Protein backbone atom coordinates (compact mmCIF):
# COMPACT_ATOMS: atom_id res chain seq x y z
CA MET A 1 130.64 102.21 79.84
CA ASP A 2 128.05 104.62 79.83
CA ASN A 3 127.05 106.25 83.40
CA SER A 4 123.38 106.35 81.94
CA PHE A 5 123.52 102.40 81.70
CA LEU A 6 124.99 102.00 84.95
CA ALA A 7 122.51 104.31 86.41
CA TYR A 8 119.65 102.30 84.94
CA LEU A 9 121.26 98.65 86.44
CA GLU A 10 121.48 100.48 89.65
CA ARG A 11 117.74 101.45 89.61
CA LEU A 12 116.93 98.04 88.54
CA GLU A 13 118.48 96.48 91.56
CA MET A 14 116.86 99.02 94.07
CA MET A 15 113.50 98.31 92.19
CA ALA A 16 114.09 94.41 92.70
CA PHE A 17 114.16 94.91 96.34
CA PHE A 18 111.28 97.48 96.93
CA SER A 19 108.92 98.03 94.06
CA GLY A 20 106.83 94.97 94.73
CA TYR A 21 106.01 96.06 98.40
CA PRO A 22 103.37 97.91 97.58
CA LEU A 23 101.17 95.31 95.81
CA VAL A 24 102.01 92.63 98.51
CA TYR A 25 101.03 95.79 101.36
CA TYR A 26 97.72 95.93 99.44
CA ALA A 27 97.06 92.19 99.20
CA MET A 28 97.38 92.23 102.93
CA VAL A 29 95.09 95.15 103.45
CA LEU A 30 92.55 93.36 101.49
CA PHE A 31 93.00 89.73 102.93
CA LYS A 32 93.19 90.99 106.37
CA GLY A 33 89.73 92.62 106.19
CA ASN A 34 88.21 95.49 108.17
CA LYS A 35 87.07 94.04 111.51
CA LYS A 36 89.19 94.99 114.57
CA GLU A 37 87.94 91.61 116.49
CA ASN A 38 88.84 89.55 113.41
CA GLU A 39 92.47 88.49 114.28
CA ASN A 40 93.60 86.17 111.75
CA ALA A 41 96.99 84.95 109.89
CA PHE A 42 96.62 87.94 107.55
CA THR A 43 96.24 90.60 110.54
CA ARG A 44 99.38 89.38 112.05
CA ALA A 45 101.21 89.28 108.97
CA PHE A 46 100.13 92.78 108.10
CA SER A 47 101.44 93.68 111.19
CA LEU A 48 104.99 92.25 110.32
CA LEU A 49 104.97 94.04 106.91
CA PRO A 50 107.29 96.76 108.22
CA PHE A 51 109.77 94.04 109.57
CA ALA A 52 110.00 92.36 106.12
CA TYR A 53 110.31 95.76 104.44
CA ALA A 54 113.48 96.41 106.82
CA LEU A 55 114.86 92.83 106.22
CA LEU A 56 114.44 93.83 102.36
CA GLY A 57 116.79 96.71 103.04
CA THR A 58 118.83 95.06 105.30
CA LEU A 59 119.40 92.46 102.32
CA PHE A 60 119.86 95.31 100.00
CA LEU A 61 122.66 96.74 102.09
CA GLY A 62 124.33 93.26 102.02
CA LEU A 63 124.01 93.42 98.16
CA MET A 64 125.60 97.05 98.63
CA LEU A 65 128.50 95.69 100.57
CA LYS A 66 129.09 92.46 97.81
CA ASN A 67 129.62 94.94 95.23
CA LEU A 68 132.10 97.22 97.11
CA TYR A 69 134.03 94.48 97.91
CA PRO A 70 137.09 94.50 98.68
CA ASP A 71 137.53 98.15 98.76
CA TYR A 72 135.32 100.08 101.20
CA SER A 73 136.88 103.71 100.91
CA ILE A 74 134.78 106.40 100.25
CA GLU A 75 136.41 107.25 96.67
CA HIS A 76 135.66 103.92 95.51
CA ILE A 77 132.17 104.42 97.02
CA ARG A 78 131.37 107.58 95.16
CA LEU A 79 132.82 105.93 92.09
CA LYS A 80 130.25 103.24 92.20
CA MET A 81 127.33 105.07 93.08
CA GLN A 82 125.39 106.49 90.21
CA GLN A 83 122.35 107.67 92.24
CA PRO A 84 123.08 108.16 95.64
CA LEU A 85 120.11 110.12 96.85
CA LEU A 86 118.09 107.03 95.44
CA ILE A 87 120.69 104.60 97.25
CA ILE A 88 120.33 106.34 100.44
CA TRP A 89 116.69 106.12 100.35
CA GLY A 90 116.71 102.58 99.93
CA LEU A 91 119.01 102.05 102.56
CA SER A 92 117.04 104.31 104.87
CA SER A 93 114.57 101.23 104.87
CA ILE A 94 116.93 99.67 107.46
CA LEU A 95 115.47 102.28 110.07
CA PHE A 96 112.06 100.19 109.94
CA TRP A 97 113.58 98.13 112.54
CA ILE A 98 113.12 100.77 114.82
CA PRO A 99 109.90 100.28 116.65
CA ILE A 100 108.63 103.79 116.36
CA LEU A 101 109.05 103.52 112.88
CA ASN A 102 107.54 100.05 112.48
CA ALA A 103 104.41 100.85 114.40
CA LYS A 104 102.69 101.84 111.38
CA PRO A 105 102.67 99.86 108.44
CA ILE A 106 101.49 102.75 106.29
CA PHE A 107 105.26 104.44 106.93
CA SER A 108 106.91 101.60 104.84
CA LEU A 109 103.99 101.78 102.21
CA ILE A 110 105.15 105.34 101.83
CA HIS A 111 108.65 104.75 101.45
CA SER A 112 108.38 102.21 99.27
CA LEU A 113 106.26 104.30 96.73
CA VAL A 114 109.34 106.10 95.59
CA PHE A 115 110.67 102.65 93.61
CA PHE A 116 107.31 101.81 92.44
CA PHE A 117 107.15 105.29 91.02
CA PHE A 118 110.01 104.16 88.62
CA LEU A 119 108.02 101.66 87.20
CA ALA A 120 104.60 103.44 86.86
CA LYS A 121 106.69 106.22 85.17
CA ASP A 122 108.08 103.92 82.49
CA ILE A 123 105.09 102.14 82.00
CA ILE A 124 103.12 105.78 81.08
CA PHE A 125 106.06 107.21 79.35
CA HIS A 126 105.63 104.06 76.87
CA LEU A 127 101.86 104.32 76.93
CA ILE A 128 102.11 107.88 75.82
CA GLY A 129 104.76 107.20 73.24
CA TYR A 130 107.35 109.22 74.79
CA THR A 131 109.90 106.19 74.75
CA ASP A 132 109.67 103.45 71.92
CA ASP A 133 111.89 101.30 73.77
CA GLU A 134 109.85 98.67 74.97
CA HIS A 135 112.52 96.49 76.33
CA ILE A 136 112.57 99.01 79.18
CA VAL A 137 109.02 98.15 80.24
CA ARG A 138 109.97 94.34 79.52
CA ASN A 139 112.69 94.57 82.11
CA ASP A 140 110.69 96.53 84.79
CA MET A 141 107.87 93.59 84.52
CA LYS A 142 110.69 91.13 85.02
CA ILE A 143 112.00 93.23 87.91
CA TYR A 144 108.62 93.94 89.31
CA SER A 145 107.74 90.20 89.53
CA VAL A 146 110.82 89.26 90.90
CA SER A 147 110.35 91.93 93.92
CA ILE A 148 106.84 90.71 94.23
CA ILE A 149 108.04 87.35 94.68
CA LEU A 150 110.95 88.37 96.97
CA THR A 151 108.59 90.38 99.08
CA LEU A 152 106.31 87.54 99.60
CA PHE A 153 109.37 85.06 100.67
CA VAL A 154 110.89 87.76 103.06
CA LEU A 155 107.15 88.15 104.39
CA VAL A 156 106.69 84.36 105.07
CA PHE A 157 110.19 84.14 106.81
CA VAL A 158 109.50 86.99 109.12
CA SER A 159 105.94 85.53 109.65
CA LEU A 160 107.54 81.67 110.32
CA LEU A 161 110.36 83.69 112.71
CA SER A 162 107.66 85.60 114.63
CA PHE A 163 105.47 82.11 114.90
CA PHE A 164 108.57 80.20 116.36
CA ALA A 165 109.74 82.96 118.64
CA TYR A 166 106.08 83.23 120.21
CA ARG A 167 106.04 79.59 120.74
CA TYR A 168 108.99 79.78 122.01
CA ALA A 169 108.39 82.50 124.47
CA ARG A 170 105.14 80.78 125.51
CA ARG A 171 107.03 77.81 126.51
CA LEU A 172 109.42 79.65 128.40
CA ARG A 173 106.76 81.52 130.65
CA SER A 174 104.70 78.11 131.21
């Protein structure tokens, strides 16, 4: 197989995990509103966005480990990785589990814009006629919609987990 095709598939995998995050982030910003005293479900979900992004990174790590199974040697890892810097960037989203990084959700947005850039680049190249292959844009849009759905499911999961943890902690205090 051609390495450029494998690199393209690897990029699509990363886009499936991370490219939908900016849209979900901006939807949360839109729904939560500007008022500081207005505490609603969207405000709480917005504060949980970095945790959802960290969980997406953890799921991406799980996919990487599954793809590398059963040989986790350095040579095999080097052979399987077509874009190591991009993979390291994607895996660095796991760092958003650290409290100092998840304190500001804007950091997770900035981190995810790297993957959104690939989608935007493919669309712009198609629009200006740099490439005539419409299948690339079609694939990107399918992956982007999957990424949005995955990000929403992960955010709902993290929100529910946070809600139940809060209720459990409140029950222990009383």
